[in-house]
Amino acid sequence: MSVLLETSLGDIVIDLYTEETPLVSKNFLKLCKAKYYNFTFFHRVDRGFIAQAGDPTGTGTGGESIYGVMGGSPYIPTEIRPQLKHRLGTVSMATLGTTNMIGSQFFIGLSDNIDYLDGKHTVFGRIAEGMDVVHALDECVSDKDKRPLRDILIRHTIVLDDPFDDPPHMPRPSSPLLPTKSQQDIMRIEANYEQVQVDGDTERRARDARAQALTLEMIGDLPYADVKPPENILFVCKLNPLTQSDDLRTIFSRFGALDSCDIVCDRDTGASLGYAFVEFQDKQACEEAYFKMENVLVDDRRIHVDFSQSVSRVGDKWVRIKEGRNVQMKSKYREGARQERDRYDMVFDTEKRRDRRDRRRSRSPARSSRRRD
């Protein structure tokens, strides 16, 4: 029973103690499934102590249980278990004041020396993956109120395993949510946010990128500098070595017709290298598979899915389509270059090229004779 939190600093996977704390675990799972935590942020990060989140108001005084979201009681009782101790990487629910009630706020332990919280808050889970994110949380810079100077957002929550039935009339968003106006009003600059470059710097970067693309075109790594990655091919990695191409084809074909589905194998041994390319006939089907197959369990491995950035498979195809439609072919890196060539060489003066070829021919036999000796 686990949940994936996508944050500004990286992904965190939380394993829940559903047997020891069923009521609190169910509340947390259903809040994640209802996307209640989307675009909330860690409003309190106390170095060497805890990182607290789960308040939509960002003040540390808001938040309610899943039953409160549905119009019922906003709080539920705690489930404090003596055997569950606070330490680095544990996840606990924050208690409402001096009462034994909790809503939606939770915190992550940032140190092993926080056992004085035992008996006061409900420990209901632990960090199974993403301890590097926890250490990054502990190192962030906060203001006098312990709020990070750059917001650490919970961008998205994904329930990986849920043993509990959903309450009646529980909200189930079917599409990605956007931050509300009230959330936007209290947001600061997000952690790892890259500032927009000024116009002059943007133009310079664009020129540099163009020059690099032309260089790749000249050496044959790109068919044309303007070529773009296909929008109907997915890159799938972290595959189990036992997974076969036919297995992936069966899984991904439920989203739409496939042109190809190939697992990349070692040239010498034929063993799987753990990644594959899945080409759809329809762009929309490709996008649907991208959203629904990320982190899915395939042969006991959670796969990673992204859009392919490779143009090696579309280079020749792209050229043929352009020729078939009689579109004027763009010249290579030099105006007047021969368009019928599949590749291109450096341009030399004709006489110099002939002289060099003659010299190469005169030296070659001598080298060959030495080898035979």
Protein backbone atom coordinates (compact mmCIF):
# COMPACT_ATOMS: atom_id res chain seq x y z
CA MET A 1 0.00 0.00 0.00
CA SER A 2 1.89 3.04 -1.23
CA VAL A 3 1.59 6.53 -2.70
CA LEU A 4 3.84 8.47 -5.08
CA LEU A 5 4.27 12.20 -4.44
CA GLU A 6 5.72 14.23 -7.31
CA THR A 7 7.41 17.27 -5.75
CA SER A 8 9.54 20.14 -6.98
CA LEU A 9 12.62 18.35 -5.66
CA GLY A 10 11.81 14.90 -7.03
CA ASP A 11 9.56 11.90 -6.45
CA ILE A 12 8.80 10.35 -3.08
CA VAL A 13 7.19 6.93 -2.55
CA ILE A 14 5.48 6.43 0.83
CA ASP A 15 4.65 2.96 2.14
CA LEU A 16 1.70 3.05 4.55
CA TYR A 17 1.09 1.05 7.72
CA THR A 18 -2.44 0.11 6.72
CA GLU A 19 -2.76 -2.71 9.24
CA GLU A 20 -1.59 -0.70 12.25
CA THR A 21 -3.31 2.59 11.27
CA PRO A 22 -6.19 1.73 8.92
CA LEU A 23 -8.31 4.86 9.53
CA VAL A 24 -5.44 7.33 9.07
CA SER A 25 -4.02 5.41 6.10
CA LYS A 26 -7.42 5.37 4.39
CA ASN A 27 -7.84 9.11 4.96
CA PHE A 28 -4.42 9.84 3.42
CA LEU A 29 -4.96 7.50 0.46
CA LYS A 30 -8.35 8.98 -0.39
CA LEU A 31 -7.05 12.57 -0.11
CA CYS A 32 -4.29 11.63 -2.56
CA LYS A 33 -6.77 9.94 -4.89
CA ALA A 34 -9.01 13.04 -4.78
CA LYS A 35 -5.92 15.16 -5.69
CA TYR A 36 -6.45 17.20 -2.53
CA TYR A 37 -2.70 17.71 -2.11
CA ASN A 38 -2.05 18.85 -5.67
CA PHE A 39 -0.26 22.25 -5.71
CA THR A 40 -0.01 22.42 -1.94
CA PHE A 41 3.49 23.05 -0.63
CA PHE A 42 5.70 22.32 2.34
CA HIS A 43 4.73 25.30 4.47
CA ARG A 44 7.11 24.43 7.31
CA VAL A 45 10.60 22.99 6.99
CA ASP A 46 12.55 22.98 10.25
CA ARG A 47 16.08 21.77 9.58
CA GLY A 48 16.96 18.66 11.55
CA PHE A 49 13.38 18.31 12.73
CA ILE A 50 10.40 17.93 10.32
CA ALA A 51 9.06 19.01 6.92
CA GLN A 52 5.31 19.66 7.12
CA ALA A 53 2.78 19.87 4.27
CA GLY A 54 -0.82 19.11 3.37
CA ASP A 55 -2.48 22.47 4.09
CA PRO A 56 -4.23 23.98 1.03
CA THR A 57 -4.21 27.42 2.68
CA GLY A 58 -0.43 27.35 3.22
CA THR A 59 -0.83 28.83 6.70
CA GLY A 60 -0.48 25.70 8.81
CA THR A 61 -3.99 26.11 10.21
CA GLY A 62 -6.09 24.64 7.37
CA GLY A 63 -6.91 21.27 5.91
CA GLU A 64 -9.58 18.66 6.55
CA SER A 65 -10.11 14.93 6.23
CA ILE A 66 -11.57 13.22 3.17
CA TYR A 67 -14.90 13.12 4.99
CA GLY A 68 -14.78 16.87 5.44
CA VAL A 69 -14.12 17.26 1.73
CA MET A 70 -17.35 15.35 1.10
CA GLY A 71 -19.32 17.53 3.54
CA GLY A 72 -18.95 15.40 6.68
CA SER A 73 -16.76 15.70 9.75
CA PRO A 74 -13.58 17.66 8.95
CA TYR A 75 -11.44 15.66 11.38
CA ILE A 76 -10.79 12.06 12.38
CA PRO A 77 -9.28 10.63 15.59
CA THR A 78 -5.61 9.76 15.87
CA GLU A 79 -4.25 6.19 15.81
CA ILE A 80 -1.12 6.36 17.92
CA ARG A 81 0.70 3.03 18.11
CA PRO A 82 3.58 2.61 20.63
CA GLN A 83 5.53 0.32 18.29
CA LEU A 84 5.68 2.99 15.54
CA LYS A 85 8.47 5.44 16.40
CA HIS A 86 9.39 8.81 14.89
CA ARG A 87 12.72 8.86 13.09
CA LEU A 88 14.33 9.98 9.82
CA GLY A 89 12.00 9.16 6.92
CA THR A 90 8.84 8.43 8.90
CA VAL A 91 5.57 10.07 7.81
CA SER A 92 3.10 11.23 10.48
CA MET A 93 -0.17 13.16 10.66
CA ALA A 94 -0.10 16.50 12.46
CA THR A 95 -2.45 16.69 15.43
CA LEU A 96 -4.94 19.54 15.66
CA GLY A 97 -3.79 21.65 18.61
CA THR A 98 -4.24 19.89 21.95
CA THR A 99 -6.99 17.61 20.64
CA ASN A 100 -6.53 14.05 19.45
CA MET A 101 -7.94 14.87 16.01
CA ILE A 102 -6.27 15.13 12.60
CA GLY A 103 -7.22 16.54 9.21
CA SER A 104 -4.97 16.54 6.14
CA GLN A 105 -1.62 17.92 7.34
CA PHE A 106 1.29 15.52 7.55
CA PHE A 107 5.03 15.77 8.18
CA ILE A 108 8.20 13.87 7.31
CA GLY A 109 10.88 13.26 9.92
CA LEU A 110 14.23 14.84 9.05
CA SER A 111 16.25 13.35 11.90
CA ASP A 112 16.55 10.26 14.07
CA ASN A 113 16.54 12.44 17.19
CA ILE A 114 12.82 13.22 17.24
CA ASP A 115 11.61 10.41 19.48
CA TYR A 116 10.03 12.99 21.83
CA LEU A 117 7.20 13.17 19.28
CA ASP A 118 6.26 9.55 20.06
CA GLY A 119 2.83 9.31 21.62
CA LYS A 120 1.82 12.75 20.35
CA HIS A 121 1.37 12.17 16.61
CA THR A 122 0.28 9.24 14.48
CA VAL A 123 3.07 7.57 12.50
CA PHE A 124 1.31 6.01 9.51
CA GLY A 125 4.05 5.45 6.91
CA ARG A 126 7.68 5.66 5.89
CA ILE A 127 9.67 6.86 2.88
CA ALA A 128 10.35 3.81 0.70
CA GLU A 129 11.96 5.68 -2.21
CA GLY A 130 13.24 9.25 -2.49
CA MET A 131 15.43 9.73 0.58
CA ASP A 132 17.55 12.05 -1.54
CA VAL A 133 14.49 14.33 -1.72
CA VAL A 134 14.16 14.16 2.08
CA HIS A 135 17.80 15.22 2.48
CA ALA A 136 17.22 18.05 -0.03
CA LEU A 137 14.23 19.18 2.04
CA ASP A 138 16.43 19.31 5.11
CA GLU A 139 18.94 21.54 3.29
CA CYS A 140 16.50 24.12 1.90
CA VAL A 141 16.66 27.73 3.10
CA SER A 142 13.62 28.95 5.06
CA ASP A 143 12.44 32.32 6.36
CA LYS A 144 11.79 33.24 10.01
CA ASP A 145 8.45 31.38 9.88
CA LYS A 146 10.19 28.18 8.68
CA ARG A 147 8.61 28.47 5.22
CA PRO A 148 11.09 27.72 2.38
CA LEU A 149 12.08 30.82 0.44
CA ARG A 150 11.34 28.84 -2.71
CA ASP A 151 8.15 26.81 -2.63
CA ILE A 152 8.51 23.03 -2.64
CA LEU A 153 5.27 22.00 -4.31
CA ILE A 154 3.47 18.69 -4.30
CA ARG A 155 2.66 18.79 -7.99
CA HIS A 156 0.81 15.48 -8.27
CA THR A 157 -0.13 12.42 -6.23
CA ILE A 158 -0.49 8.87 -7.58
CA VAL A 159 -1.97 6.05 -5.50
CA LEU A 160 0.05 2.95 -6.34
CA ASP A 161 -1.86 0.48 -4.18
CA ASP A 162 -5.13 1.04 -2.29
CA PRO A 163 -6.76 -1.78 -0.25
CA PHE A 164 -9.72 0.36 0.87
CA ASP A 165 -13.02 0.94 -0.90
CA ASP A 166 -13.76 4.52 -1.91
CA PRO A 167 -16.40 6.32 0.20
CA PRO A 168 -19.64 7.09 -1.66
CA HIS A 169 -19.60 10.34 -3.63
CA MET A 170 -15.84 10.80 -3.20
CA PRO A 171 -14.51 13.26 -5.83
CA ARG A 172 -12.39 11.57 -8.51
CA PRO A 173 -10.77 14.10 -10.87
CA SER A 174 -10.42 12.51 -14.32
CA SER A 175 -7.96 15.06 -15.74
CA PRO A 176 -4.86 16.85 -14.41
CA LEU A 177 -5.79 19.69 -12.07
CA LEU A 178 -4.59 23.28 -12.29
CA PRO A 179 -3.77 25.44 -9.27
CA THR A 180 -6.69 27.50 -8.02
CA LYS A 181 -6.53 31.28 -7.83
CA SER A 182 -6.19 31.16 -4.05
CA GLN A 183 -3.24 28.77 -4.41
CA GLN A 184 -1.60 30.97 -7.03
CA ASP A 185 -1.97 34.01 -4.76
CA ILE A 186 0.13 32.44 -1.99
CA MET A 187 2.76 30.77 -4.16
CA ARG A 188 6.36 31.91 -4.28
CA ILE A 189 8.99 30.99 -6.87
CA GLU A 190 9.12 27.23 -7.07
CA ALA A 191 12.24 25.28 -6.15
CA ASN A 192 14.33 24.32 -9.21
CA TYR A 193 12.45 26.95 -11.24
CA GLU A 194 14.51 28.29 -14.14
CA GLN A 195 14.08 32.01 -14.64
CA VAL A 196 13.10 33.20 -18.11
CA GLN A 197 16.08 34.65 -19.92
CA VAL A 198 16.06 38.22 -21.16
CA ASP A 199 15.46 38.74 -24.86
CA GLY A 200 19.10 39.28 -25.77
CA ASP A 201 20.25 36.17 -23.94
CA THR A 202 17.37 34.16 -25.43
CA GLU A 203 18.39 35.17 -28.94
CA ARG A 204 21.99 34.24 -28.25
CA ARG A 205 20.96 30.83 -26.94
CA ALA A 206 18.77 30.30 -30.00
CA ARG A 207 21.71 31.12 -32.31
CA ASP A 208 23.97 28.75 -30.39
CA ALA A 209 21.39 25.97 -30.58
CA ARG A 210 20.99 26.54 -34.30
CA ALA A 211 24.76 26.41 -34.83
CA GLN A 212 25.00 23.16 -32.86
CA ALA A 213 22.17 21.64 -34.90
CA LEU A 214 23.93 22.58 -38.13
CA THR A 215 27.12 20.99 -36.84
CA LEU A 216 25.27 17.76 -36.11
CA GLU A 217 23.80 17.94 -39.61
CA MET A 218 27.26 18.37 -41.14
CA ILE A 219 28.68 15.29 -39.40
CA GLY A 220 25.62 13.22 -40.27
CA ASP A 221 24.07 12.83 -36.82
CA LEU A 222 20.96 14.74 -37.93
CA PRO A 223 19.31 14.45 -41.36
CA TYR A 224 18.46 18.17 -41.22
CA ALA A 225 18.98 20.83 -38.61
CA ASP A 226 15.24 21.50 -38.47
CA VAL A 227 14.23 17.90 -37.84
CA LYS A 228 12.16 17.33 -34.68
CA PRO A 229 11.54 14.19 -32.63
CA PRO A 230 8.41 12.24 -33.61
CA GLU A 231 5.26 12.81 -31.56
CA ASN A 232 3.95 9.26 -31.89
CA ILE A 233 6.87 7.25 -30.44
CA LEU A 234 7.35 6.50 -26.74
CA PHE A 235 10.62 5.65 -25.02
CA VAL A 236 10.10 2.97 -22.36
CA CYS A 237 12.87 2.08 -19.91
CA LYS A 238 13.52 0.28 -16.59
CA LEU A 239 12.18 -2.90 -18.18
CA ASN A 240 12.62 -6.35 -16.71
CA PRO A 241 15.23 -8.24 -18.79
CA LEU A 242 12.67 -11.03 -19.15
CA THR A 243 10.07 -8.78 -20.79
CA GLN A 244 9.65 -9.48 -24.50
CA SER A 245 8.59 -7.18 -27.34
CA ASP A 246 5.36 -9.13 -27.79
CA ASP A 247 4.53 -8.53 -24.13
CA LEU A 248 4.93 -4.78 -24.55
CA ARG A 249 2.96 -4.84 -27.79
CA THR A 250 0.05 -6.52 -26.00
CA ILE A 251 0.15 -3.98 -23.18
CA PHE A 252 0.45 -0.82 -25.28
CA SER A 253 -1.85 -1.89 -28.12
CA ARG A 254 -4.88 -1.35 -25.90
CA PHE A 255 -4.36 2.39 -26.39
CA GLY A 256 -4.34 2.19 -30.20
CA ALA A 257 -2.80 0.56 -33.25
CA LEU A 258 1.01 0.18 -33.23
CA ASP A 259 3.44 0.48 -36.11
CA SER A 260 6.24 -1.14 -34.13
CA CYS A 261 7.24 -2.18 -30.63
CA ASP A 262 10.90 -3.09 -30.24
CA ILE A 263 13.01 -3.83 -27.18
CA VAL A 264 16.64 -2.86 -27.78
CA CYS A 265 19.01 -5.81 -27.29
CA ASP A 266 22.75 -6.25 -27.03
CA ARG A 267 24.27 -6.79 -30.47
CA ASP A 268 26.52 -9.65 -29.35
CA THR A 269 24.52 -11.51 -26.69
CA GLY A 270 20.98 -10.64 -27.75
CA ALA A 271 20.09 -9.84 -24.14
CA SER A 272 17.62 -7.05 -23.43
CA LEU A 273 19.15 -3.68 -22.53
CA GLY A 274 16.07 -2.73 -20.54
CA TYR A 275 14.53 -0.13 -22.83
CA ALA A 276 12.27 -0.06 -25.87
CA PHE A 277 10.59 2.16 -28.45
CA VAL A 278 6.83 1.95 -29.02
CA GLU A 279 5.52 3.61 -32.20
CA PHE A 280 1.81 4.39 -32.47
CA GLN A 281 -0.12 5.11 -35.65
CA ASP A 282 -2.07 7.84 -33.86
CA LYS A 283 -0.60 10.73 -31.88
CA GLN A 284 -3.58 10.86 -29.50
CA ALA A 285 -3.17 7.19 -28.59
CA CYS A 286 0.52 7.84 -27.91
CA GLU A 287 -0.34 10.69 -25.52
CA GLU A 288 -2.90 8.57 -23.69
CA ALA A 289 -0.37 5.79 -23.20
CA TYR A 290 2.17 8.33 -21.94
CA PHE A 291 -0.18 9.57 -19.21
CA LYS A 292 -1.45 6.15 -18.13
CA MET A 293 1.61 3.89 -18.34
CA GLU A 294 4.10 5.89 -16.29
CA ASN A 295 5.32 3.90 -13.25
CA VAL A 296 3.08 0.94 -14.11
CA LEU A 297 4.20 -2.47 -12.85
CA VAL A 298 5.31 -4.73 -15.74
CA ASP A 299 6.91 -8.07 -14.84
CA ASP A 300 7.64 -6.85 -11.29
CA ARG A 301 9.37 -3.67 -12.54
CA ARG A 302 7.93 -0.15 -12.48
CA ILE A 303 8.59 1.22 -15.95
CA HIS A 304 9.34 4.79 -16.95
CA VAL A 305 7.64 6.21 -20.05
CA ASP A 306 8.58 9.36 -21.96
CA PHE A 307 8.33 10.72 -25.47
CA SER A 308 11.21 9.62 -27.66
CA GLN A 309 13.80 12.31 -28.41
CA SER A 310 15.60 10.20 -31.01
CA VAL A 311 15.39 11.14 -34.70
CA SER A 312 17.40 8.17 -35.95
CA ARG A 313 14.28 6.27 -36.98
CA VAL A 314 12.60 9.19 -38.73
CA GLY A 315 15.55 10.74 -40.54
CA ASP A 316 15.33 8.78 -43.80
CA LYS A 317 11.54 8.63 -43.67
CA TRP A 318 11.33 12.39 -43.27
CA VAL A 319 13.48 12.92 -46.34
CA ARG A 320 11.39 10.57 -48.49
CA ILE A 321 8.13 12.25 -47.50
CA LYS A 322 9.49 15.62 -48.48
CA GLU A 323 10.62 14.33 -51.85
CA GLY A 324 7.32 12.54 -52.47
CA ARG A 325 5.37 15.73 -52.02
CA ASN A 326 7.71 17.68 -54.25
CA VAL A 327 8.61 20.05 -51.48
CA GLN A 328 11.80 21.94 -52.21
CA MET A 329 14.61 20.25 -50.35
CA LYS A 330 16.61 22.46 -48.05
CA SER A 331 20.28 22.65 -48.87
CA LYS A 332 22.80 21.12 -46.53
CA TYR A 333 25.19 23.31 -44.61
CA ARG A 334 26.40 24.89 -47.88
CA GLU A 335 24.30 26.41 -50.66
CA GLY A 336 24.52 24.44 -53.88
CA ALA A 337 25.45 21.16 -52.20
CA ARG A 338 24.40 18.04 -54.07
CA GLN A 339 20.92 17.08 -52.82
CA GLU A 340 20.94 13.57 -54.18
CA ARG A 341 23.63 12.41 -51.80
CA ASP A 342 22.72 10.42 -48.72
CA ARG A 343 25.71 11.90 -46.95
CA TYR A 344 28.15 14.71 -47.64
CA ASP A 345 31.86 15.25 -47.33
CA MET A 346 34.07 18.24 -46.82
CA VAL A 347 34.48 20.34 -49.95
CA PHE A 348 38.02 20.46 -51.39
CA ASP A 349 39.45 21.95 -54.53
CA THR A 350 39.25 19.34 -57.30
CA GLU A 351 42.99 19.35 -58.06
CA LYS A 352 43.92 19.11 -54.41
CA ARG A 353 41.56 16.18 -53.94
CA ARG A 354 43.10 14.38 -56.94
CA ASP A 355 46.62 15.00 -55.61
CA ARG A 356 45.71 13.64 -52.20
CA ARG A 357 44.08 10.58 -53.71
CA ASP A 358 47.19 9.88 -55.81
CA ARG A 359 49.46 10.21 -52.78
CA ARG A 360 47.28 7.85 -50.78
CA ARG A 361 47.43 5.29 -53.58
CA SER A 362 51.25 5.50 -53.78
CA ARG A 363 51.71 4.88 -50.06
CA SER A 364 49.19 2.11 -49.56
CA PRO A 365 51.13 -0.78 -51.16
CA ALA A 366 54.16 -0.10 -48.97
CA ARG A 367 52.10 -0.35 -45.83
CA SER A 368 50.42 -3.48 -47.11
CA SER A 369 53.75 -5.12 -47.94
CA ARG A 370 55.08 -4.44 -44.47
CA ARG A 371 52.00 -6.10 -42.98
CA ARG A 372 52.53 -9.18 -45.13
CA ASP A 373 56.08 -9.43 -43.99
